[in-house]
Protein backbone atom coordinates (compact mmCIF):
# COMPACT_ATOMS: atom_id res chain seq x y z
CA MET A 1 170.50 167.35 42.06
CA GLU A 2 173.02 164.39 41.53
CA GLN A 3 175.74 166.75 40.65
CA ASP A 4 175.05 169.13 43.53
CA TYR A 5 175.42 166.53 46.18
CA ALA A 6 178.39 164.67 44.44
CA GLY A 7 181.15 166.65 46.25
CA ARG A 8 179.31 166.88 49.59
CA GLY A 9 179.91 163.40 50.94
CA VAL A 10 176.32 162.32 50.15
CA ASN A 11 174.96 160.74 46.83
CA LEU A 12 171.67 160.93 45.26
CA VAL A 13 170.86 157.41 44.21
CA ARG A 14 167.98 155.82 42.53
CA VAL A 15 166.70 152.53 44.13
CA ALA A 16 163.64 150.64 42.95
CA ASP A 17 162.35 153.67 41.02
CA LYS A 18 162.70 155.88 44.21
CA TRP A 19 165.50 158.47 45.04
CA ARG A 20 167.39 158.32 48.44
CA LEU A 21 170.44 160.27 49.77
CA GLN A 22 173.20 158.05 51.07
CA THR A 23 176.64 158.34 52.23
CA ALA A 24 179.43 158.52 49.62
CA PRO A 25 181.19 155.07 49.58
CA ASP A 26 184.57 156.75 50.34
CA LEU A 27 183.15 158.14 53.62
CA ALA A 28 181.24 155.27 54.83
CA HIS A 29 184.00 153.94 57.19
CA ILE A 30 183.76 157.11 59.23
CA LEU A 31 180.04 156.60 59.93
CA VAL A 32 180.37 153.02 61.38
CA GLU A 33 178.68 153.01 64.81
CA GLU A 34 180.77 150.91 67.31
CA ARG A 35 178.96 150.35 70.53
CA GLU A 36 180.26 148.41 73.40
CA GLU A 37 177.34 146.78 75.05
CA PRO A 38 177.77 146.13 78.68
CA ARG A 39 177.12 142.24 79.26
CA LYS A 40 175.00 141.24 81.99
CA LEU A 41 176.29 138.27 84.04
CA SER A 42 174.10 135.50 84.89
CA ASN A 43 173.53 134.56 88.51
CA ALA A 44 175.71 131.53 87.82
CA ALA A 45 178.63 133.63 86.51
CA LEU A 46 178.41 136.16 89.47
CA GLU A 47 178.60 133.35 91.95
CA THR A 48 181.59 131.71 90.26
CA LEU A 49 183.27 135.16 90.02
CA SER A 50 182.54 135.68 93.74
CA ILE A 51 183.95 132.23 94.71
CA ILE A 52 186.92 132.84 92.51
CA ALA A 53 187.77 136.22 93.96
CA TYR A 54 187.27 135.04 97.62
CA HIS A 55 189.07 131.72 97.41
CA GLN A 56 191.76 132.28 94.83
CA PRO A 57 193.64 130.42 93.62
CA VAL A 58 190.76 128.04 93.35
CA THR A 59 190.03 124.90 91.15
CA ARG A 60 186.91 124.13 89.15
CA ALA A 61 186.25 121.31 91.66
CA GLU A 62 186.37 123.77 94.66
CA ILE A 63 184.25 126.03 92.86
CA GLU A 64 181.65 123.39 92.28
CA ASP A 65 182.05 122.21 95.99
CA VAL A 66 180.99 125.83 97.23
CA ARG A 67 178.37 126.29 94.51
CA GLY A 68 176.91 122.82 95.05
CA VAL A 69 176.47 122.38 91.16
CA ALA A 70 178.73 121.82 88.22
CA VAL A 71 180.28 124.93 86.66
CA SER A 72 179.85 125.24 82.90
CA LYS A 73 182.77 125.78 80.60
CA GLY A 74 180.95 128.57 79.04
CA THR A 75 180.82 130.56 82.43
CA LEU A 76 184.63 130.28 83.02
CA ASP A 77 185.23 131.18 79.43
CA LEU A 78 182.94 134.22 79.62
CA LEU A 79 184.79 135.39 82.67
CA MET A 80 188.13 134.81 80.99
CA GLU A 81 186.93 136.61 77.90
CA MET A 82 185.97 139.65 79.94
CA LYS A 83 189.50 139.46 81.31
CA TRP A 84 188.29 139.29 84.90
CA VAL A 85 189.54 135.83 85.64
CA ARG A 86 192.80 134.01 84.35
CA LEU A 87 194.38 130.71 84.82
CA ARG A 88 196.96 130.98 87.74
CA GLY A 89 198.67 127.72 87.28
CA ARG A 90 198.25 123.98 88.48
CA ARG A 91 198.02 122.59 92.04
CA ARG A 92 200.72 120.21 93.10
CA THR A 93 198.13 117.40 93.88
CA PRO A 94 197.10 114.36 92.05
CA GLY A 95 195.68 115.34 88.59
CA ARG A 96 197.44 118.76 88.64
CA PRO A 97 194.19 120.78 88.40
CA VAL A 98 194.05 124.09 86.92
CA THR A 99 193.66 127.02 89.41
CA TYR A 100 191.89 130.19 88.63
CA GLY A 101 192.24 133.64 89.96
CA THR A 102 191.15 137.29 89.34
CA THR A 103 193.06 139.80 87.20
CA ASP A 104 193.85 143.60 87.76
CA ALA A 105 191.12 144.35 85.14
CA PHE A 106 188.58 142.95 87.76
CA PHE A 107 189.65 145.53 90.17
CA LYS A 108 189.67 148.46 87.97
CA PRO A 109 186.08 149.50 88.29
CA PHE A 110 186.40 149.52 92.09
CA ARG A 111 189.75 151.34 91.98
CA ALA A 112 188.34 154.31 89.76
CA GLY A 113 186.42 155.61 92.68
CA ALA A 114 188.81 155.10 95.45
CA HIS A 115 191.10 157.80 96.71
C-alpha cells in the first residue's frame, strides 16, 4: 500500500504501531488553511473610533475629554493596526500633541454598497 500511495500526494506512515495517511511533505504548503478572523471591537474601541471619526483631527486628550475616561494605548494601537486610524500630525499648541484621524480603509466597507 505504501508504494500505491507514494505518487498520489499522500503517504502511508506508521506512527505508534498504527498506520495513517498523511499529506506528502512536498504538498503540505498547499493545504495550509489561512483564515482571516474578523476582530470584534470592544466598546472602548468603538467609542474611540466614533470620536476620532466625528472630531478629526483629534488629540488623545480630546478623546479622553469626550469619553470621560483614559484611552488605553492598546485601543489606539488596535485601531491603527486595523488601518482605520492614522496619525495626522501634531497640533501647533504647547506640547505639540499628536492628532489622529480616520483612513480611507475605514470608509471602504461603507462605500462598497453605495451607488
